[in-house]
PDB file of N, CA and C in Angstrom:
ATOM      1  N   UNK A   1     -36.044  -7.987 -22.690  1.00  0.00           N
ATOM      2  CA  UNK A   1     -36.261  -6.773 -21.936  1.00  0.00           C
ATOM      3  C   UNK A   1     -35.719  -6.997 -20.525  1.00  0.00           C
ATOM      4  N   UNK A   2     -34.976  -6.061 -20.010  1.00  0.00           N
ATOM      5  CA  UNK A   2     -34.452  -6.242 -18.658  1.00  0.00           C
ATOM      6  C   UNK A   2     -35.570  -6.225 -17.632  1.00  0.00           C
ATOM      7  N   UNK A   3     -35.281  -6.806 -16.512  1.00  0.00           N
ATOM      8  CA  UNK A   3     -36.267  -6.872 -15.434  1.00  0.00           C
ATOM      9  C   UNK A   3     -36.355  -5.533 -14.713  1.00  0.00           C
ATOM     10  N   UNK A   4     -37.535  -5.259 -14.198  1.00  0.00           N
ATOM     11  CA  UNK A   4     -37.728  -4.109 -13.327  1.00  0.00           C
ATOM     12  C   UNK A   4     -37.709  -4.650 -11.906  1.00  0.00           C
ATOM     13  N   UNK A   5     -36.966  -3.977 -11.049  1.00  0.00           N
ATOM     14  CA  UNK A   5     -36.814  -4.442  -9.672  1.00  0.00           C
ATOM     15  C   UNK A   5     -37.434  -3.452  -8.711  1.00  0.00           C
ATOM     16  N   UNK A   6     -37.938  -3.971  -7.607  1.00  0.00           N
ATOM     17  CA  UNK A   6     -38.497  -3.120  -6.572  1.00  0.00           C
ATOM     18  C   UNK A   6     -38.240  -3.774  -5.219  1.00  0.00           C
ATOM     19  N   UNK A   7     -37.919  -2.938  -4.248  1.00  0.00           N
ATOM     20  CA  UNK A   7     -37.715  -3.414  -2.878  1.00  0.00           C
ATOM     21  C   UNK A   7     -38.921  -3.010  -2.053  1.00  0.00           C
ATOM     22  N   UNK A   8     -39.360  -3.906  -1.195  1.00  0.00           N
ATOM     23  CA  UNK A   8     -40.472  -3.625  -0.300  1.00  0.00           C
ATOM     24  C   UNK A   8     -40.236  -4.372   1.013  1.00  0.00           C
ATOM     25  N   UNK A   9     -40.198  -3.630   2.095  1.00  0.00           N
ATOM     26  CA  UNK A   9     -40.039  -4.216   3.437  1.00  0.00           C
ATOM     27  C   UNK A   9     -38.820  -5.141   3.508  1.00  0.00           C
ATOM     28  N   UNK A  10     -37.728  -4.726   2.869  1.00  0.00           N
ATOM     29  CA  UNK A  10     -36.491  -5.495   2.941  1.00  0.00           C
ATOM     30  C   UNK A  10     -36.395  -6.666   1.982  1.00  0.00           C
ATOM     31  N   UNK A  11     -37.424  -6.902   1.180  1.00  0.00           N
ATOM     32  CA  UNK A  11     -37.389  -7.978   0.190  1.00  0.00           C
ATOM     33  C   UNK A  11     -37.362  -7.361  -1.203  1.00  0.00           C
ATOM     34  N   UNK A  12     -36.774  -8.073  -2.131  1.00  0.00           N
ATOM     35  CA  UNK A  12     -36.650  -7.589  -3.505  1.00  0.00           C
ATOM     36  C   UNK A  12     -37.544  -8.426  -4.413  1.00  0.00           C
ATOM     37  N   UNK A  13     -38.213  -7.732  -5.335  1.00  0.00           N
ATOM     38  CA  UNK A  13     -39.106  -8.381  -6.284  1.00  0.00           C
ATOM     39  C   UNK A  13     -38.718  -7.954  -7.688  1.00  0.00           C
ATOM     40  N   UNK A  14     -39.067  -8.781  -8.667  1.00  0.00           N
ATOM     41  CA  UNK A  14     -38.741  -8.482 -10.054  1.00  0.00           C
ATOM     42  C   UNK A  14     -39.960  -8.738 -10.935  1.00  0.00           C
ATOM     43  N   UNK A  15     -40.120  -7.881 -11.925  1.00  0.00           N
ATOM     44  CA  UNK A  15     -41.099  -8.092 -12.990  1.00  0.00           C
ATOM     45  C   UNK A  15     -40.305  -8.125 -14.284  1.00  0.00           C
ATOM     46  N   UNK A  16     -40.530  -9.149 -15.072  1.00  0.00           N
ATOM     47  CA  UNK A  16     -39.884  -9.198 -16.384  1.00  0.00           C
ATOM     48  C   UNK A  16     -40.898  -9.620 -17.436  1.00  0.00           C
ATOM     49  N   UNK A  17     -40.617  -9.214 -18.658  1.00  0.00           N
ATOM     50  CA  UNK A  17     -41.499  -9.444 -19.793  1.00  0.00           C
ATOM     51  C   UNK A  17     -40.773 -10.324 -20.807  1.00  0.00           C
ATOM     52  N   UNK A  18     -41.512 -11.214 -21.427  1.00  0.00           N
ATOM     53  CA  UNK A  18     -40.974 -11.961 -22.570  1.00  0.00           C
ATOM     54  C   UNK A  18     -42.141 -12.436 -23.421  1.00  0.00           C
ATOM     55  N   UNK A  19     -41.838 -12.790 -24.639  1.00  0.00           N
ATOM     56  CA  UNK A  19     -42.886 -13.284 -25.526  1.00  0.00           C
ATOM     57  C   UNK A  19     -42.938 -14.794 -25.435  1.00  0.00           C
ATOM     58  N   UNK A  20     -44.129 -15.325 -25.141  1.00  0.00           N
ATOM     59  CA  UNK A  20     -44.342 -16.770 -25.050  1.00  0.00           C
ATOM     60  C   UNK A  20     -44.890 -17.236 -26.393  1.00  0.00           C
ATOM     61  N   UNK A  21     -44.004 -17.643 -27.268  1.00  0.00           N
ATOM     62  CA  UNK A  21     -44.369 -17.996 -28.640  1.00  0.00           C
ATOM     63  C   UNK A  21     -45.448 -19.081 -28.715  1.00  0.00           C
ATOM     64  N   UNK A  22     -45.356 -20.153 -27.923  1.00  0.00           N
ATOM     65  CA  UNK A  22     -46.397 -21.191 -28.039  1.00  0.00           C
ATOM     66  C   UNK A  22     -47.797 -20.669 -27.692  1.00  0.00           C
ATOM     67  N   UNK A  23     -47.863 -19.628 -26.861  1.00  0.00           N
ATOM     68  CA  UNK A  23     -49.157 -19.080 -26.442  1.00  0.00           C
ATOM     69  C   UNK A  23     -49.581 -17.870 -27.280  1.00  0.00           C
ATOM     70  N   UNK A  24     -48.720 -17.413 -28.192  1.00  0.00           N
ATOM     71  CA  UNK A  24     -48.970 -16.176 -28.935  1.00  0.00           C
ATOM     72  C   UNK A  24     -49.377 -15.069 -27.980  1.00  0.00           C
ATOM     73  N   UNK A  25     -48.565 -14.906 -26.936  1.00  0.00           N
ATOM     74  CA  UNK A  25     -48.901 -13.940 -25.891  1.00  0.00           C
ATOM     75  C   UNK A  25     -47.641 -13.399 -25.245  1.00  0.00           C
ATOM     76  N   UNK A  26     -47.773 -12.185 -24.715  1.00  0.00           N
ATOM     77  CA  UNK A  26     -46.721 -11.630 -23.884  1.00  0.00           C
ATOM     78  C   UNK A  26     -46.891 -12.189 -22.485  1.00  0.00           C
ATOM     79  N   UNK A  27     -45.792 -12.509 -21.849  1.00  0.00           N
ATOM     80  CA  UNK A  27     -45.814 -12.984 -20.464  1.00  0.00           C
ATOM     81  C   UNK A  27     -45.184 -11.916 -19.584  1.00  0.00           C
ATOM     82  N   UNK A  28     -45.876 -11.595 -18.511  1.00  0.00           N
ATOM     83  CA  UNK A  28     -45.369 -10.668 -17.505  1.00  0.00           C
ATOM     84  C   UNK A  28     -45.219 -11.497 -16.233  1.00  0.00           C
ATOM     85  N   UNK A  29     -43.983 -11.621 -15.765  1.00  0.00           N
ATOM     86  CA  UNK A  29     -43.684 -12.513 -14.643  1.00  0.00           C
ATOM     87  C   UNK A  29     -43.325 -11.733 -13.387  1.00  0.00           C
ATOM     88  N   UNK A  30     -43.854 -12.189 -12.262  1.00  0.00           N
ATOM     89  CA  UNK A  30     -43.489 -11.641 -10.961  1.00  0.00           C
ATOM     90  C   UNK A  30     -42.715 -12.702 -10.199  1.00  0.00           C
ATOM     91  N   UNK A  31     -41.575 -12.298  -9.650  1.00  0.00           N
ATOM     92  CA  UNK A  31     -40.763 -13.219  -8.857  1.00  0.00           C
ATOM     93  C   UNK A  31     -40.126 -12.465  -7.708  1.00  0.00           C
ATOM     94  N   UNK A  32     -39.650 -13.227  -6.751  1.00  0.00           N
ATOM     95  CA  UNK A  32     -38.811 -12.627  -5.726  1.00  0.00           C
ATOM     96  C   UNK A  32     -37.406 -12.587  -6.314  1.00  0.00           C
ATOM     97  N   UNK A  33     -36.783 -11.430  -6.249  1.00  0.00           N
ATOM     98  CA  UNK A  33     -35.442 -11.293  -6.827  1.00  0.00           C
ATOM     99  C   UNK A  33     -34.415 -11.942  -5.912  1.00  0.00           C
ATOM    100  N   UNK A  34     -33.385 -12.478  -6.530  1.00  0.00           N
ATOM    101  CA  UNK A  34     -32.304 -13.131  -5.788  1.00  0.00           C
ATOM    102  C   UNK A  34     -31.024 -12.316  -5.975  1.00  0.00           C
ATOM    103  N   UNK A  35     -30.128 -12.373  -5.010  1.00  0.00           N
ATOM    104  CA  UNK A  35     -28.879 -11.610  -5.149  1.00  0.00           C
ATOM    105  C   UNK A  35     -28.086 -12.050  -6.378  1.00  0.00           C
ATOM    106  N   UNK A  36     -27.503 -11.082  -7.043  1.00  0.00           N
ATOM    107  CA  UNK A  36     -26.634 -11.362  -8.184  1.00  0.00           C
ATOM    108  C   UNK A  36     -25.364 -12.050  -7.679  1.00  0.00           C
ATOM    109  N   UNK A  37     -24.655 -12.754  -8.552  1.00  0.00           N
ATOM    110  CA  UNK A  37     -23.405 -13.405  -8.129  1.00  0.00           C
ATOM    111  C   UNK A  37     -22.428 -12.387  -7.543  1.00  0.00           C
ATOM    112  N   UNK A  38     -21.725 -12.802  -6.514  1.00  0.00           N
ATOM    113  CA  UNK A  38     -20.775 -11.916  -5.837  1.00  0.00           C
ATOM    114  C   UNK A  38     -19.733 -11.359  -6.807  1.00  0.00           C
ATOM    115  N   UNK A  39     -19.364 -12.131  -7.820  1.00  0.00           N
ATOM    116  CA  UNK A  39     -18.362 -11.679  -8.793  1.00  0.00           C
ATOM    117  C   UNK A  39     -18.825 -10.437  -9.555  1.00  0.00           C
ATOM    118  N   UNK A  40     -20.124 -10.200  -9.606  1.00  0.00           N
ATOM    119  CA  UNK A  40     -20.647  -9.037 -10.318  1.00  0.00           C
ATOM    120  C   UNK A  40     -20.399  -7.741  -9.560  1.00  0.00           C
ATOM    121  N   UNK A  41     -20.051  -7.829  -8.294  1.00  0.00           N
ATOM    122  CA  UNK A  41     -19.860  -6.634  -7.468  1.00  0.00           C
ATOM    123  C   UNK A  41     -18.786  -5.713  -8.037  1.00  0.00           C
ATOM    124  N   UNK A  42     -17.840  -6.273  -8.751  1.00  0.00           N
ATOM    125  CA  UNK A  42     -16.750  -5.470  -9.316  1.00  0.00           C
ATOM    126  C   UNK A  42     -17.081  -4.905 -10.698  1.00  0.00           C
ATOM    127  N   UNK A  43     -18.217  -5.266 -11.248  1.00  0.00           N
ATOM    128  CA  UNK A  43     -18.608  -4.794 -12.579  1.00  0.00           C
ATOM    129  C   UNK A  43     -19.414  -3.502 -12.415  1.00  0.00           C
ATOM    130  N   UNK A  44     -18.963  -2.431 -13.041  1.00  0.00           N
ATOM    131  CA  UNK A  44     -19.714  -1.172 -12.933  1.00  0.00           C
ATOM    132  C   UNK A  44     -21.144  -1.316 -13.465  1.00  0.00           C
ATOM    133  N   UNK A  45     -22.090  -0.750 -12.762  1.00  0.00           N
ATOM    134  CA  UNK A  45     -23.511  -0.731 -13.137  1.00  0.00           C
ATOM    135  C   UNK A  45     -24.148  -2.119 -13.219  1.00  0.00           C
ATOM    136  N   UNK A  46     -23.524  -3.114 -12.647  1.00  0.00           N
ATOM    137  CA  UNK A  46     -24.115  -4.452 -12.647  1.00  0.00           C
ATOM    138  C   UNK A  46     -25.293  -4.486 -11.672  1.00  0.00           C
ATOM    139  N   UNK A  47     -26.286  -5.265 -12.002  1.00  0.00           N
ATOM    140  CA  UNK A  47     -27.459  -5.401 -11.143  1.00  0.00           C
ATOM    141  C   UNK A  47     -27.077  -6.081  -9.834  1.00  0.00           C
ATOM    142  N   UNK A  48     -27.703  -5.651  -8.760  1.00  0.00           N
ATOM    143  CA  UNK A  48     -27.444  -6.286  -7.462  1.00  0.00           C
ATOM    144  C   UNK A  48     -28.365  -7.480  -7.245  1.00  0.00           C
ATOM    145  N   UNK A  49     -29.479  -7.521  -7.987  1.00  0.00           N
ATOM    146  CA  UNK A  49     -30.429  -8.626  -7.876  1.00  0.00           C
ATOM    147  C   UNK A  49     -30.898  -9.034  -9.264  1.00  0.00           C
ATOM    148  N   UNK A  50     -31.306 -10.284  -9.373  1.00  0.00           N
ATOM    149  CA  UNK A  50     -31.811 -10.849 -10.619  1.00  0.00           C
ATOM    150  C   UNK A  50     -33.167 -11.494 -10.360  1.00  0.00           C
ATOM    151  N   UNK A  51     -34.005 -11.611 -11.371  1.00  0.00           N
ATOM    152  CA  UNK A  51     -35.279 -12.297 -11.165  1.00  0.00           C
ATOM    153  C   UNK A  51     -35.061 -13.741 -10.746  1.00  0.00           C
ATOM    154  N   UNK A  52     -35.871 -14.182  -9.813  1.00  0.00           N
ATOM    155  CA  UNK A  52     -35.866 -15.583  -9.412  1.00  0.00           C
ATOM    156  C   UNK A  52     -36.944 -16.324 -10.191  1.00  0.00           C
ATOM    157  N   UNK A  53     -37.276 -17.522  -9.752  1.00  0.00           N
ATOM    158  CA  UNK A  53     -38.350 -18.263 -10.425  1.00  0.00           C
ATOM    159  C   UNK A  53     -39.683 -17.521 -10.283  1.00  0.00           C
ATOM    160  N   UNK A  54     -40.401 -17.395 -11.385  1.00  0.00           N
ATOM    161  CA  UNK A  54     -41.675 -16.674 -11.377  1.00  0.00           C
ATOM    162  C   UNK A  54     -42.722 -17.441 -10.582  1.00  0.00           C
ATOM    163  N   UNK A  55     -43.490 -16.710  -9.765  1.00  0.00           N
ATOM    164  CA  UNK A  55     -44.605 -17.356  -9.072  1.00  0.00           C
ATOM    165  C   UNK A  55     -45.956 -16.843  -9.546  1.00  0.00           C
ATOM    166  N   UNK A  56     -45.984 -15.729 -10.272  1.00  0.00           N
ATOM    167  CA  UNK A  56     -47.187 -15.269 -10.966  1.00  0.00           C
ATOM    168  C   UNK A  56     -46.789 -14.920 -12.393  1.00  0.00           C
ATOM    169  N   UNK A  57     -47.579 -15.382 -13.351  1.00  0.00           N
ATOM    170  CA  UNK A  57     -47.313 -15.056 -14.748  1.00  0.00           C
ATOM    171  C   UNK A  57     -48.629 -14.649 -15.393  1.00  0.00           C
ATOM    172  N   UNK A  58     -48.657 -13.432 -15.928  1.00  0.00           N
ATOM    173  CA  UNK A  58     -49.821 -12.968 -16.682  1.00  0.00           C
ATOM    174  C   UNK A  58     -49.521 -13.181 -18.157  1.00  0.00           C
ATOM    175  N   UNK A  59     -50.457 -13.811 -18.858  1.00  0.00           N
ATOM    176  CA  UNK A  59     -50.335 -14.003 -20.301  1.00  0.00           C
ATOM    177  C   UNK A  59     -51.308 -13.058 -20.989  1.00  0.00           C
ATOM    178  N   UNK A  60     -50.780 -12.236 -21.891  1.00  0.00           N
ATOM    179  CA  UNK A  60     -51.570 -11.258 -22.610  1.00  0.00           C
ATOM    180  C   UNK A  60     -51.514 -11.602 -24.093  1.00  0.00           C
ATOM    181  N   UNK A  61     -52.575 -12.227 -24.630  1.00  0.00           N
ATOM    182  CA  UNK A  61     -52.587 -12.580 -26.049  1.00  0.00           C
ATOM    183  C   UNK A  61     -52.527 -11.329 -26.914  1.00  0.00           C
ATOM    184  N   UNK A  62     -51.718 -11.371 -27.962  1.00  0.00           N
ATOM    185  CA  UNK A  62     -51.636 -10.211 -28.846  1.00  0.00           C
ATOM    186  C   UNK A  62     -52.055 -10.533 -30.276  1.00  0.00           C
ATOM    187  N   UNK A  63     -52.303 -11.789 -30.576  1.00  0.00           N
ATOM    188  CA  UNK A  63     -52.717 -12.168 -31.920  1.00  0.00           C
ATOM    189  C   UNK A  63     -54.233 -12.095 -32.084  1.00  0.00           C
ATOM    190  N   UNK A  64     -54.964 -12.400 -31.036  1.00  0.00           N
ATOM    191  CA  UNK A  64     -56.425 -12.429 -31.085  1.00  0.00           C
ATOM    192  C   UNK A  64     -56.968 -11.538 -29.978  1.00  0.00           C
ATOM    193  N   UNK A  65     -57.465 -10.339 -30.317  1.00  0.00           N
ATOM    194  CA  UNK A  65     -57.951  -9.414 -29.291  1.00  0.00           C
ATOM    195  C   UNK A  65     -59.170  -9.928 -28.521  1.00  0.00           C
ATOM    196  N   UNK A  66     -59.820 -10.994 -29.019  1.00  0.00           N
ATOM    197  CA  UNK A  66     -60.966 -11.553 -28.302  1.00  0.00           C
ATOM    198  C   UNK A  66     -60.544 -12.435 -27.123  1.00  0.00           C
ATOM    199  N   UNK A  67     -59.282 -12.870 -27.120  1.00  0.00           N
ATOM    200  CA  UNK A  67     -58.800 -13.685 -25.998  1.00  0.00           C
ATOM    201  C   UNK A  67     -58.473 -12.780 -24.820  1.00  0.00           C
ATOM    202  N   UNK A  68     -58.885 -13.207 -23.641  1.00  0.00           N
ATOM    203  CA  UNK A  68     -58.654 -12.408 -22.438  1.00  0.00           C
ATOM    204  C   UNK A  68     -57.302 -12.707 -21.820  1.00  0.00           C
ATOM    205  N   UNK A  69     -56.672 -11.681 -21.250  1.00  0.00           N
ATOM    206  CA  UNK A  69     -55.466 -11.926 -20.456  1.00  0.00           C
ATOM    207  C   UNK A  69     -55.829 -12.794 -19.244  1.00  0.00           C
ATOM    208  N   UNK A  70     -54.865 -13.540 -18.770  1.00  0.00           N
ATOM    209  CA  UNK A  70     -55.084 -14.403 -17.607  1.00  0.00           C
ATOM    210  C   UNK A  70     -53.816 -14.450 -16.766  1.00  0.00           C
ATOM    211  N   UNK A  71     -53.995 -14.590 -15.459  1.00  0.00           N
ATOM    212  CA  UNK A  71     -52.869 -14.711 -14.536  1.00  0.00           C
ATOM    213  C   UNK A  71     -52.796 -16.157 -14.070  1.00  0.00           C
ATOM    214  N   UNK A  72     -51.616 -16.733 -14.210  1.00  0.00           N
ATOM    215  CA  UNK A  72     -51.375 -18.108 -13.787  1.00  0.00           C
ATOM    216  C   UNK A  72     -50.500 -18.093 -12.534  1.00  0.00           C
ATOM    217  N   UNK A  73     -50.789 -18.991 -11.628  1.00  0.00           N
ATOM    218  CA  UNK A  73     -49.974 -19.136 -10.423  1.00  0.00           C
ATOM    219  C   UNK A  73     -49.030 -20.300 -10.658  1.00  0.00           C
ATOM    220  N   UNK A  74     -47.731 -20.028 -10.567  1.00  0.00           N
ATOM    221  CA  UNK A  74     -46.692 -21.033 -10.799  1.00  0.00           C
ATOM    222  C   UNK A  74     -45.887 -21.188  -9.521  1.00  0.00           C
ATOM    223  N   UNK A  75     -46.393 -21.968  -8.598  1.00  0.00           N
ATOM    224  CA  UNK A  75     -45.666 -22.109  -7.348  1.00  0.00           C
ATOM    225  C   UNK A  75     -46.081 -23.378  -6.632  1.00  0.00           C
ATOM    226  N   UNK A  76     -45.093 -24.018  -6.056  1.00  0.00           N
ATOM    227  CA  UNK A  76     -45.372 -25.168  -5.206  1.00  0.00           C
ATOM    228  C   UNK A  76     -45.388 -24.738  -3.747  1.00  0.00           C
ATOM    229  N   UNK A  77     -44.827 -23.569  -3.488  1.00  0.00           N
ATOM    230  CA  UNK A  77     -44.750 -23.041  -2.132  1.00  0.00           C
ATOM    231  C   UNK A  77     -45.742 -21.899  -1.972  1.00  0.00           C
ATOM    232  N   UNK A  78     -46.057 -21.604  -0.733  1.00  0.00           N
ATOM    233  CA  UNK A  78     -46.908 -20.455  -0.459  1.00  0.00           C
ATOM    234  C   UNK A  78     -46.074 -19.184  -0.543  1.00  0.00           C
ATOM    235  N   UNK A  79     -46.597 -18.190  -1.217  1.00  0.00           N
ATOM    236  CA  UNK A  79     -45.933 -16.889  -1.306  1.00  0.00           C
ATOM    237  C   UNK A  79     -46.874 -15.838  -0.768  1.00  0.00           C
ATOM    238  N   UNK A  80     -46.370 -14.992   0.087  1.00  0.00           N
ATOM    239  CA  UNK A  80     -47.122 -13.844   0.547  1.00  0.00           C
ATOM    240  C   UNK A  80     -46.670 -12.666  -0.302  1.00  0.00           C
ATOM    241  N   UNK A  81     -47.614 -12.079  -1.012  1.00  0.00           N
ATOM    242  CA  UNK A  81     -47.295 -10.956  -1.886  1.00  0.00           C
ATOM    243  C   UNK A  81     -47.859  -9.699  -1.248  1.00  0.00           C
ATOM    244  N   UNK A  82     -46.997  -8.773  -0.856  1.00  0.00           N
ATOM    245  CA  UNK A  82     -47.496  -7.534  -0.267  1.00  0.00           C
ATOM    246  C   UNK A  82     -48.402  -6.790  -1.256  1.00  0.00           C
ATOM    247  N   UNK A  83     -49.383  -6.115  -0.715  1.00  0.00           N
ATOM    248  CA  UNK A  83     -50.356  -5.390  -1.526  1.00  0.00           C
ATOM    249  C   UNK A  83     -49.681  -4.447  -2.516  1.00  0.00           C
ATOM    250  N   UNK A  84     -48.697  -3.666  -2.069  1.00  0.00           N
ATOM    251  CA  UNK A  84     -48.029  -2.713  -2.957  1.00  0.00           C
ATOM    252  C   UNK A  84     -47.311  -3.416  -4.109  1.00  0.00           C
ATOM    253  N   UNK A  85     -46.761  -4.582  -3.850  1.00  0.00           N
ATOM    254  CA  UNK A  85     -46.082  -5.340  -4.913  1.00  0.00           C
ATOM    255  C   UNK A  85     -47.116  -5.892  -5.895  1.00  0.00           C
ATOM    256  N   UNK A  86     -48.235  -6.370  -5.377  1.00  0.00           N
ATOM    257  CA  UNK A  86     -49.291  -6.875  -6.258  1.00  0.00           C
ATOM    258  C   UNK A  86     -49.852  -5.749  -7.124  1.00  0.00           C
ATOM    259  N   UNK A  87     -50.029  -4.560  -6.570  1.00  0.00           N
ATOM    260  CA  UNK A  87     -50.497  -3.409  -7.345  1.00  0.00           C
ATOM    261  C   UNK A  87     -49.487  -3.069  -8.446  1.00  0.00           C
ATOM    262  N   UNK A  88     -48.199  -3.054  -8.088  1.00  0.00           N
ATOM    263  CA  UNK A  88     -47.138  -2.761  -9.057  1.00  0.00           C
ATOM    264  C   UNK A  88     -47.174  -3.775 -10.204  1.00  0.00           C
ATOM    265  N   UNK A  89     -47.274  -5.057  -9.863  1.00  0.00           N
ATOM    266  CA  UNK A  89     -47.336  -6.108 -10.878  1.00  0.00           C
ATOM    267  C   UNK A  89     -48.548  -5.905 -11.784  1.00  0.00           C
ATOM    268  N   UNK A  90     -49.720  -5.668 -11.190  1.00  0.00           N
ATOM    269  CA  UNK A  90     -50.926  -5.513 -11.990  1.00  0.00           C
ATOM    270  C   UNK A  90     -50.885  -4.240 -12.848  1.00  0.00           C
ATOM    271  N   UNK A  91     -50.199  -3.198 -12.385  1.00  0.00           N
ATOM    272  CA  UNK A  91     -50.003  -2.011 -13.222  1.00  0.00           C
ATOM    273  C   UNK A  91     -49.163  -2.357 -14.446  1.00  0.00           C
ATOM    274  N   UNK A  92     -48.136  -3.186 -14.247  1.00  0.00           N
ATOM    275  CA  UNK A  92     -47.302  -3.622 -15.370  1.00  0.00           C
ATOM    276  C   UNK A  92     -48.130  -4.447 -16.356  1.00  0.00           C
ATOM    277  N   UNK A  93     -48.984  -5.327 -15.825  1.00  0.00           N
ATOM    278  CA  UNK A  93     -49.854  -6.148 -16.670  1.00  0.00           C
ATOM    279  C   UNK A  93     -50.823  -5.251 -17.440  1.00  0.00           C
ATOM    280  N   UNK A  94     -51.426  -4.295 -16.749  1.00  0.00           N
ATOM    281  CA  UNK A  94     -52.377  -3.376 -17.386  1.00  0.00           C
ATOM    282  C   UNK A  94     -51.713  -2.599 -18.512  1.00  0.00           C
ATOM    283  N   UNK A  95     -50.512  -2.112 -18.281  1.00  0.00           N
ATOM    284  CA  UNK A  95     -49.785  -1.383 -19.325  1.00  0.00           C
ATOM    285  C   UNK A  95     -49.511  -2.276 -20.533  1.00  0.00           C
ATOM    286  N   UNK A  96     -49.152  -3.536 -20.282  1.00  0.00           N
ATOM    287  CA  UNK A  96     -48.881  -4.462 -21.388  1.00  0.00           C
ATOM    288  C   UNK A  96     -50.161  -4.765 -22.161  1.00  0.00           C
ATOM    289  N   UNK A  97     -51.286  -4.908 -21.465  1.00  0.00           N
ATOM    290  CA  UNK A  97     -52.568  -5.129 -22.141  1.00  0.00           C
ATOM    291  C   UNK A  97     -52.873  -3.943 -23.050  1.00  0.00           C
ATOM    292  N   UNK A  98     -52.662  -2.729 -22.537  1.00  0.00           N
ATOM    293  CA  UNK A  98     -52.911  -1.534 -23.366  1.00  0.00           C
ATOM    294  C   UNK A  98     -52.042  -1.542 -24.615  1.00  0.00           C
ATOM    295  N   UNK A  99     -50.765  -1.876 -24.459  1.00  0.00           N
ATOM    296  CA  UNK A  99     -49.861  -1.906 -25.615  1.00  0.00           C
ATOM    297  C   UNK A  99     -50.314  -2.956 -26.638  1.00  0.00           C
ATOM    298  N   UNK A 100     -50.705  -4.115 -26.152  1.00  0.00           N
ATOM    299  CA  UNK A 100     -51.128  -5.188 -27.059  1.00  0.00           C
ATOM    300  C   UNK A 100     -52.434  -4.839 -27.761  1.00  0.00           C
ATOM    301  N   UNK A 101     -53.338  -4.190 -27.059  1.00  0.00           N
ATOM    302  CA  UNK A 101     -54.621  -3.820 -27.660  1.00  0.00           C
ATOM    303  C   UNK A 101     -54.455  -2.652 -28.628  1.00  0.00           C
ATOM    304  N   UNK A 102     -53.496  -1.783 -28.377  1.00  0.00           N
ATOM    305  CA  UNK A 102     -53.280  -0.625 -29.239  1.00  0.00           C
ATOM    306  C   UNK A 102     -52.596  -1.022 -30.538  1.00  0.00           C
ATOM    307  N   UNK A 103     -51.751  -2.044 -30.512  1.00  0.00           N
ATOM    308  CA  UNK A 103     -50.983  -2.435 -31.698  1.00  0.00           C
ATOM    309  C   UNK A 103     -51.877  -2.811 -32.878  1.00  0.00           C
ATOM    310  N   UNK A 104     -52.913  -3.659 -32.719  1.00  0.00           N
ATOM    311  CA  UNK A 104     -53.758  -3.973 -33.877  1.00  0.00           C
ATOM    312  C   UNK A 104     -54.511  -2.750 -34.396  1.00  0.00           C
ATOM    313  N   UNK A 105     -54.927  -1.871 -33.495  1.00  0.00           N
ATOM    314  CA  UNK A 105     -55.645  -0.667 -33.920  1.00  0.00           C
ATOM    315  C   UNK A 105     -54.734   0.232 -34.748  1.00  0.00           C
ATOM    316  N   UNK A 106     -53.474   0.357 -34.337  1.00  0.00           N
ATOM    317  CA  UNK A 106     -52.527   1.152 -35.121  1.00  0.00           C
ATOM    318  C   UNK A 106     -52.287   0.529 -36.479  1.00  0.00           C
ATOM    319  N   UNK A 107     -52.192  -0.789 -36.519  1.00  0.00           N
ATOM    320  CA  UNK A 107     -51.998  -1.495 -37.795  1.00  0.00           C
ATOM    321  C   UNK A 107     -53.181  -1.313 -38.719  1.00  0.00           C
ATOM    322  N   UNK A 108     -54.429  -1.314 -38.157  1.00  0.00           N
ATOM    323  CA  UNK A 108     -55.620  -1.117 -38.967  1.00  0.00           C
ATOM    324  C   UNK A 108     -55.650   0.262 -39.583  1.00  0.00           C
ATOM    325  N   UNK A 109     -55.265   1.279 -38.798  1.00  0.00           N
ATOM    326  CA  UNK A 109     -55.301   2.645 -39.332  1.00  0.00           C
ATOM    327  C   UNK A 109     -54.231   2.839 -40.393  1.00  0.00           C
ATOM    328  N   UNK A 110     -53.102   2.162 -40.242  1.00  0.00           N
ATOM    329  CA  UNK A 110     -52.056   2.262 -41.261  1.00  0.00           C
ATOM    330  C   UNK A 110     -52.500   1.574 -42.553  1.00  0.00           C
ATOM    331  N   UNK A 111     -53.188   0.440 -42.400  1.00  0.00           N
ATOM    332  CA  UNK A 111     -53.653  -0.287 -43.581  1.00  0.00           C
ATOM    333  C   UNK A 111     -54.720   0.521 -44.324  1.00  0.00           C
ATOM    334  N   UNK A 112     -55.541   1.237 -43.515  1.00  0.00           N
ATOM    335  CA  UNK A 112     -56.596   2.028 -44.135  1.00  0.00           C
ATOM    336  C   UNK A 112     -56.021   3.273 -44.806  1.00  0.00           C
ATOM    337  N   UNK A 113     -54.883   3.780 -44.328  1.00  0.00           N
ATOM    338  CA  UNK A 113     -54.314   5.025 -44.844  1.00  0.00           C
ATOM    339  C   UNK A 113     -53.424   4.754 -45.964  1.00  0.00           C
TER     340      UNK A 113
END
């Protein structure tokens, strides 16, 4: 899934999603976005920024609905996360939790029907 990018106060941030197979969970990562390679400037519709190393990762288990989502901090450096960016990230996490929780319920109703 492509990353979602947002600019705030002159800085760029990225949220990206991927499936973490060893954890049986979806991972939602927040990072500071980095400029895309200069060579991409000539490519139509190329992204101007790419996700950098994630400093917050939310894991949302989808195999066992009894397991709670959790946010992990992955950083050796201090990061200041603006409130609006943290809200945006948590909205993305909340949406992913809803999708993961809805999937088993949809499967149950299909099995029953």
